[in-house]
Amino acid sequence: MGESPAYAMRKLFIFFCAEGAENFSRQFFTDNFYKTFLELSEDPVPHVRLEYSKALRSVVPLVETNTQL
């Protein structure tokens, strides 16, 4: 979903990451979603980047203490 050509699917992936960040373990999130999530920060569609900035509130606390990153 995060690499979909449809911007709506990329927005949905970001929303899913934000919701999942509150429910997934840190290790599971970083192993499966973090790389794609980070790549979406440079998405060409402004609405995707806006959704990304909103999702940071949920994702940053999950990964900021992870020393593997």
PDB file of N, CA and C in Angstrom:
ATOM      1  N   MET A   1       0.811  -1.189   0.000  1.00  0.00           N
ATOM      2  CA  MET A   1       0.000   0.000   0.000  1.00  0.00           C
ATOM      3  C   MET A   1       0.857   1.257   0.000  1.00  0.00           C
ATOM      4  N   GLY A   2       1.968   1.227   0.696  1.00  0.00           N
ATOM      5  CA  GLY A   2       2.826   2.397   0.793  1.00  0.00           C
ATOM      6  C   GLY A   2       3.535   2.738  -0.497  1.00  0.00           C
ATOM      7  N   GLU A   3       3.607   1.778  -1.414  1.00  0.00           N
ATOM      8  CA  GLU A   3       4.281   2.010  -2.695  1.00  0.00           C
ATOM      9  C   GLU A   3       3.295   2.022  -3.852  1.00  0.00           C
ATOM     10  N   SER A   4       2.025   2.126  -3.545  1.00  0.00           N
ATOM     11  CA  SER A   4       0.975   2.117  -4.556  1.00  0.00           C
ATOM     12  C   SER A   4       1.053   3.358  -5.447  1.00  0.00           C
ATOM     13  N   PRO A   5       0.717   3.225  -6.726  1.00  0.00           N
ATOM     14  CA  PRO A   5       0.665   4.418  -7.588  1.00  0.00           C
ATOM     15  C   PRO A   5      -0.514   5.338  -7.246  1.00  0.00           C
ATOM     16  N   ALA A   6      -1.499   4.818  -6.529  1.00  0.00           N
ATOM     17  CA  ALA A   6      -2.662   5.617  -6.145  1.00  0.00           C
ATOM     18  C   ALA A   6      -2.364   6.353  -4.839  1.00  0.00           C
ATOM     19  N   TYR A   7      -2.474   7.678  -4.879  1.00  0.00           N
ATOM     20  CA  TYR A   7      -2.132   8.454  -3.686  1.00  0.00           C
ATOM     21  C   TYR A   7      -3.056   8.142  -2.516  1.00  0.00           C
ATOM     22  N   ALA A   8      -4.306   7.784  -2.792  1.00  0.00           N
ATOM     23  CA  ALA A   8      -5.240   7.459  -1.719  1.00  0.00           C
ATOM     24  C   ALA A   8      -4.772   6.225  -0.946  1.00  0.00           C
ATOM     25  N   MET A   9      -4.187   5.283  -1.626  1.00  0.00           N
ATOM     26  CA  MET A   9      -3.671   4.089  -0.955  1.00  0.00           C
ATOM     27  C   MET A   9      -2.449   4.431  -0.106  1.00  0.00           C
ATOM     28  N   ARG A  10      -1.619   5.334  -0.578  1.00  0.00           N
ATOM     29  CA  ARG A  10      -0.456   5.755   0.209  1.00  0.00           C
ATOM     30  C   ARG A  10      -0.911   6.492   1.464  1.00  0.00           C
ATOM     31  N   LYS A  11      -1.960   7.327   1.321  1.00  0.00           N
ATOM     32  CA  LYS A  11      -2.520   8.007   2.492  1.00  0.00           C
ATOM     33  C   LYS A  11      -3.082   6.991   3.475  1.00  0.00           C
ATOM     34  N   LEU A  12      -3.734   5.971   2.975  1.00  0.00           N
ATOM     35  CA  LEU A  12      -4.292   4.936   3.831  1.00  0.00           C
ATOM     36  C   LEU A  12      -3.184   4.177   4.557  1.00  0.00           C
ATOM     37  N   PHE A  13      -2.087   3.917   3.872  1.00  0.00           N
ATOM     38  CA  PHE A  13      -0.950   3.252   4.504  1.00  0.00           C
ATOM     39  C   PHE A  13      -0.407   4.099   5.656  1.00  0.00           C
ATOM     40  N   ILE A  14      -0.298   5.392   5.454  1.00  0.00           N
ATOM     41  CA  ILE A  14       0.200   6.282   6.508  1.00  0.00           C
ATOM     42  C   ILE A  14      -0.765   6.277   7.693  1.00  0.00           C
ATOM     43  N   PHE A  15      -2.050   6.349   7.418  1.00  0.00           N
ATOM     44  CA  PHE A  15      -3.050   6.285   8.485  1.00  0.00           C
ATOM     45  C   PHE A  15      -2.935   4.964   9.240  1.00  0.00           C
ATOM     46  N   PHE A  16      -2.761   3.878   8.506  1.00  0.00           N
ATOM     47  CA  PHE A  16      -2.597   2.567   9.114  1.00  0.00           C
ATOM     48  C   PHE A  16      -1.350   2.534  10.009  1.00  0.00           C
ATOM     49  N   CYS A  17      -0.268   3.144   9.560  1.00  0.00           N
ATOM     50  CA  CYS A  17       0.956   3.201  10.366  1.00  0.00           C
ATOM     51  C   CYS A  17       0.717   3.978  11.657  1.00  0.00           C
ATOM     52  N   ALA A  18       0.015   5.088  11.561  1.00  0.00           N
ATOM     53  CA  ALA A  18      -0.252   5.894  12.749  1.00  0.00           C
ATOM     54  C   ALA A  18      -1.098   5.119  13.753  1.00  0.00           C
ATOM     55  N   GLU A  19      -2.113   4.431  13.276  1.00  0.00           N
ATOM     56  CA  GLU A  19      -2.955   3.635  14.171  1.00  0.00           C
ATOM     57  C   GLU A  19      -2.192   2.424  14.691  1.00  0.00           C
ATOM     58  N   GLY A  20      -1.423   1.797  13.832  1.00  0.00           N
ATOM     59  CA  GLY A  20      -0.661   0.622  14.225  1.00  0.00           C
ATOM     60  C   GLY A  20       0.449   0.928  15.202  1.00  0.00           C
ATOM     61  N   ALA A  21       0.988   2.126  15.137  1.00  0.00           N
ATOM     62  CA  ALA A  21       2.073   2.509  16.032  1.00  0.00           C
ATOM     63  C   ALA A  21       1.631   2.443  17.485  1.00  0.00           C
ATOM     64  N   GLU A  22       0.363   2.601  17.717  1.00  0.00           N
ATOM     65  CA  GLU A  22      -0.165   2.534  19.075  1.00  0.00           C
ATOM     66  C   GLU A  22      -0.447   1.103  19.514  1.00  0.00           C
ATOM     67  N   ASN A  23      -0.456   0.167  18.564  1.00  0.00           N
ATOM     68  CA  ASN A  23      -0.828  -1.209  18.884  1.00  0.00           C
ATOM     69  C   ASN A  23       0.272  -2.236  18.608  1.00  0.00           C
ATOM     70  N   PHE A  24       1.193  -1.917  17.708  1.00  0.00           N
ATOM     71  CA  PHE A  24       2.262  -2.848  17.367  1.00  0.00           C
ATOM     72  C   PHE A  24       3.443  -2.671  18.317  1.00  0.00           C
ATOM     73  N   SER A  25       4.247  -3.698  18.416  1.00  0.00           N
ATOM     74  CA  SER A  25       5.490  -3.548  19.167  1.00  0.00           C
ATOM     75  C   SER A  25       6.459  -2.706  18.328  1.00  0.00           C
ATOM     76  N   ARG A  26       7.413  -2.102  18.996  1.00  0.00           N
ATOM     77  CA  ARG A  26       8.409  -1.275  18.319  1.00  0.00           C
ATOM     78  C   ARG A  26       9.157  -2.093  17.262  1.00  0.00           C
ATOM     79  N   GLN A  27       9.565  -3.289  17.623  1.00  0.00           N
ATOM     80  CA  GLN A  27      10.332  -4.133  16.704  1.00  0.00           C
ATOM     81  C   GLN A  27       9.519  -4.500  15.468  1.00  0.00           C
ATOM     82  N   PHE A  28       8.260  -4.884  15.659  1.00  0.00           N
ATOM     83  CA  PHE A  28       7.407  -5.254  14.532  1.00  0.00           C
ATOM     84  C   PHE A  28       7.210  -4.070  13.593  1.00  0.00           C
ATOM     85  N   PHE A  29       6.959  -2.907  14.165  1.00  0.00           N
ATOM     86  CA  PHE A  29       6.740  -1.721  13.337  1.00  0.00           C
ATOM     87  C   PHE A  29       7.986  -1.365  12.539  1.00  0.00           C
ATOM     88  N   THR A  30       9.134  -1.341  13.184  1.00  0.00           N
ATOM     89  CA  THR A  30      10.361  -0.949  12.476  1.00  0.00           C
ATOM     90  C   THR A  30      10.756  -1.981  11.432  1.00  0.00           C
ATOM     91  N   ASP A  31      10.509  -3.248  11.702  1.00  0.00           N
ATOM     92  CA  ASP A  31      10.860  -4.290  10.733  1.00  0.00           C
ATOM     93  C   ASP A  31       9.961  -4.280   9.503  1.00  0.00           C
ATOM     94  N   ASN A  32       8.699  -3.929   9.668  1.00  0.00           N
ATOM     95  CA  ASN A  32       7.734  -4.098   8.588  1.00  0.00           C
ATOM     96  C   ASN A  32       7.219  -2.821   7.930  1.00  0.00           C
ATOM     97  N   PHE A  33       7.232  -1.694   8.645  1.00  0.00           N
ATOM     98  CA  PHE A  33       6.583  -0.503   8.110  1.00  0.00           C
ATOM     99  C   PHE A  33       7.469   0.740   8.061  1.00  0.00           C
ATOM    100  N   TYR A  34       8.451   0.816   8.911  1.00  0.00           N
ATOM    101  CA  TYR A  34       9.190   2.068   9.107  1.00  0.00           C
ATOM    102  C   TYR A  34       9.873   2.585   7.849  1.00  0.00           C
ATOM    103  N   LYS A  35      10.540   1.728   7.097  1.00  0.00           N
ATOM    104  CA  LYS A  35      11.264   2.173   5.901  1.00  0.00           C
ATOM    105  C   LYS A  35      10.308   2.802   4.878  1.00  0.00           C
ATOM    106  N   THR A  36       9.227   2.119   4.601  1.00  0.00           N
ATOM    107  CA  THR A  36       8.253   2.654   3.646  1.00  0.00           C
ATOM    108  C   THR A  36       7.613   3.925   4.180  1.00  0.00           C
ATOM    109  N   PHE A  37       7.327   3.943   5.483  1.00  0.00           N
ATOM    110  CA  PHE A  37       6.758   5.137   6.100  1.00  0.00           C
ATOM    111  C   PHE A  37       7.679   6.333   5.910  1.00  0.00           C
ATOM    112  N   LEU A  38       8.977   6.155   6.148  1.00  0.00           N
ATOM    113  CA  LEU A  38       9.933   7.253   5.981  1.00  0.00           C
ATOM    114  C   LEU A  38      10.003   7.748   4.545  1.00  0.00           C
ATOM    115  N   GLU A  39       9.949   6.836   3.598  1.00  0.00           N
ATOM    116  CA  GLU A  39      10.018   7.218   2.183  1.00  0.00           C
ATOM    117  C   GLU A  39       8.846   8.112   1.769  1.00  0.00           C
ATOM    118  N   LEU A  40       7.722   7.954   2.435  1.00  0.00           N
ATOM    119  CA  LEU A  40       6.547   8.759   2.080  1.00  0.00           C
ATOM    120  C   LEU A  40       6.667  10.212   2.531  1.00  0.00           C
ATOM    121  N   SER A  41       7.688  10.536   3.296  1.00  0.00           N
ATOM    122  CA  SER A  41       7.897  11.929   3.684  1.00  0.00           C
ATOM    123  C   SER A  41       8.262  12.796   2.478  1.00  0.00           C
ATOM    124  N   GLU A  42       8.703  12.172   1.410  1.00  0.00           N
ATOM    125  CA  GLU A  42       9.086  12.899   0.195  1.00  0.00           C
ATOM    126  C   GLU A  42       8.124  12.634  -0.960  1.00  0.00           C
ATOM    127  N   ASP A  43       6.914  12.241  -0.645  1.00  0.00           N
ATOM    128  CA  ASP A  43       5.917  11.949  -1.672  1.00  0.00           C
ATOM    129  C   ASP A  43       5.611  13.212  -2.480  1.00  0.00           C
ATOM    130  N   PRO A  44       5.395  13.072  -3.784  1.00  0.00           N
ATOM    131  CA  PRO A  44       5.114  14.252  -4.608  1.00  0.00           C
ATOM    132  C   PRO A  44       3.716  14.852  -4.392  1.00  0.00           C
ATOM    133  N   VAL A  45       2.825  14.115  -3.756  1.00  0.00           N
ATOM    134  CA  VAL A  45       1.449  14.589  -3.559  1.00  0.00           C
ATOM    135  C   VAL A  45       1.333  15.287  -2.196  1.00  0.00           C
ATOM    136  N   PRO A  46       0.929  16.548  -2.192  1.00  0.00           N
ATOM    137  CA  PRO A  46       0.837  17.295  -0.929  1.00  0.00           C
ATOM    138  C   PRO A  46      -0.081  16.657   0.111  1.00  0.00           C
ATOM    139  N   HIS A  47      -1.188  16.054  -0.306  1.00  0.00           N
ATOM    140  CA  HIS A  47      -2.111  15.443   0.643  1.00  0.00           C
ATOM    141  C   HIS A  47      -1.469  14.252   1.362  1.00  0.00           C
ATOM    142  N   VAL A  48      -0.593  13.551   0.675  1.00  0.00           N
ATOM    143  CA  VAL A  48       0.113  12.437   1.302  1.00  0.00           C
ATOM    144  C   VAL A  48       1.091  12.973   2.339  1.00  0.00           C
ATOM    145  N   ARG A  49       1.805  14.020   1.998  1.00  0.00           N
ATOM    146  CA  ARG A  49       2.757  14.605   2.954  1.00  0.00           C
ATOM    147  C   ARG A  49       2.036  15.199   4.160  1.00  0.00           C
ATOM    148  N   LEU A  50       0.853  15.753   3.954  1.00  0.00           N
ATOM    149  CA  LEU A  50       0.065  16.276   5.067  1.00  0.00           C
ATOM    150  C   LEU A  50      -0.351  15.143   6.005  1.00  0.00           C
ATOM    151  N   GLU A  51      -0.815  14.047   5.440  1.00  0.00           N
ATOM    152  CA  GLU A  51      -1.184  12.883   6.259  1.00  0.00           C
ATOM    153  C   GLU A  51       0.042  12.354   6.999  1.00  0.00           C
ATOM    154  N   TYR A  52       1.186  12.388   6.339  1.00  0.00           N
ATOM    155  CA  TYR A  52       2.441  11.953   6.959  1.00  0.00           C
ATOM    156  C   TYR A  52       2.761  12.820   8.179  1.00  0.00           C
ATOM    157  N   SER A  53       2.624  14.118   8.033  1.00  0.00           N
ATOM    158  CA  SER A  53       2.944  15.010   9.155  1.00  0.00           C
ATOM    159  C   SER A  53       2.002  14.781  10.336  1.00  0.00           C
ATOM    160  N   LYS A  54       0.755  14.459  10.063  1.00  0.00           N
ATOM    161  CA  LYS A  54      -0.188  14.148  11.138  1.00  0.00           C
ATOM    162  C   LYS A  54       0.188  12.845  11.827  1.00  0.00           C
ATOM    163  N   ALA A  55       0.653  11.880  11.053  1.00  0.00           N
ATOM    164  CA  ALA A  55       0.992  10.568  11.596  1.00  0.00           C
ATOM    165  C   ALA A  55       2.243  10.606  12.461  1.00  0.00           C
ATOM    166  N   LEU A  56       3.076  11.594  12.271  1.00  0.00           N
ATOM    167  CA  LEU A  56       4.310  11.678  13.055  1.00  0.00           C
ATOM    168  C   LEU A  56       4.034  11.738  14.551  1.00  0.00           C
ATOM    169  N   ARG A  57       2.925  12.334  14.944  1.00  0.00           N
ATOM    170  CA  ARG A  57       2.575  12.416  16.369  1.00  0.00           C
ATOM    171  C   ARG A  57       2.451  11.039  17.011  1.00  0.00           C
ATOM    172  N   SER A  58       2.015  10.061  16.247  1.00  0.00           N
ATOM    173  CA  SER A  58       1.865   8.711  16.774  1.00  0.00           C
ATOM    174  C   SER A  58       3.123   7.868  16.600  1.00  0.00           C
ATOM    175  N   VAL A  59       3.821   8.082  15.503  1.00  0.00           N
ATOM    176  CA  VAL A  59       4.942   7.214  15.161  1.00  0.00           C
ATOM    177  C   VAL A  59       6.225   7.611  15.882  1.00  0.00           C
ATOM    178  N   VAL A  60       6.491   8.890  16.023  1.00  0.00           N
ATOM    179  CA  VAL A  60       7.751   9.339  16.629  1.00  0.00           C
ATOM    180  C   VAL A  60       7.956   8.799  18.040  1.00  0.00           C
ATOM    181  N   PRO A  61       6.973   8.838  18.916  1.00  0.00           N
ATOM    182  CA  PRO A  61       7.215   8.282  20.255  1.00  0.00           C
ATOM    183  C   PRO A  61       7.560   6.793  20.235  1.00  0.00           C
ATOM    184  N   LEU A  62       7.065   6.083  19.243  1.00  0.00           N
ATOM    185  CA  LEU A  62       7.347   4.655  19.142  1.00  0.00           C
ATOM    186  C   LEU A  62       8.792   4.385  18.763  1.00  0.00           C
ATOM    187  N   VAL A  63       9.342   5.185  17.862  1.00  0.00           N
ATOM    188  CA  VAL A  63      10.665   4.875  17.325  1.00  0.00           C
ATOM    189  C   VAL A  63      11.792   5.767  17.869  1.00  0.00           C
ATOM    190  N   GLU A  64      11.475   6.835  18.552  1.00  0.00           N
ATOM    191  CA  GLU A  64      12.534   7.773  18.951  1.00  0.00           C
ATOM    192  C   GLU A  64      13.507   7.183  19.957  1.00  0.00           C
ATOM    193  N   THR A  65      13.088   6.211  20.710  1.00  0.00           N
ATOM    194  CA  THR A  65      13.993   5.601  21.670  1.00  0.00           C
ATOM    195  C   THR A  65      14.691   4.359  21.129  1.00  0.00           C
ATOM    196  N   ASN A  66      14.413   4.018  19.883  1.00  0.00           N
ATOM    197  CA  ASN A  66      15.007   2.830  19.283  1.00  0.00           C
ATOM    198  C   ASN A  66      16.422   3.151  18.817  1.00  0.00           C
ATOM    199  N   THR A  67      17.423   2.526  19.394  1.00  0.00           N
ATOM    200  CA  THR A  67      18.811   2.819  19.061  1.00  0.00           C
ATOM    201  C   THR A  67      19.264   2.140  17.778  1.00  0.00           C
ATOM    202  N   GLN A  68      18.477   1.229  17.229  1.00  0.00           N
ATOM    203  CA  GLN A  68      18.837   0.551  15.987  1.00  0.00           C
ATOM    204  C   GLN A  68      18.672   1.452  14.788  1.00  0.00           C
ATOM    205  N   LEU A  69      17.892   2.503  14.914  1.00  0.00           N
ATOM    206  CA  LEU A  69      17.639   3.394  13.788  1.00  0.00           C
ATOM    207  C   LEU A  69      18.743   4.355  13.731  1.00  0.00           C
TER     208      LEU A  69
END
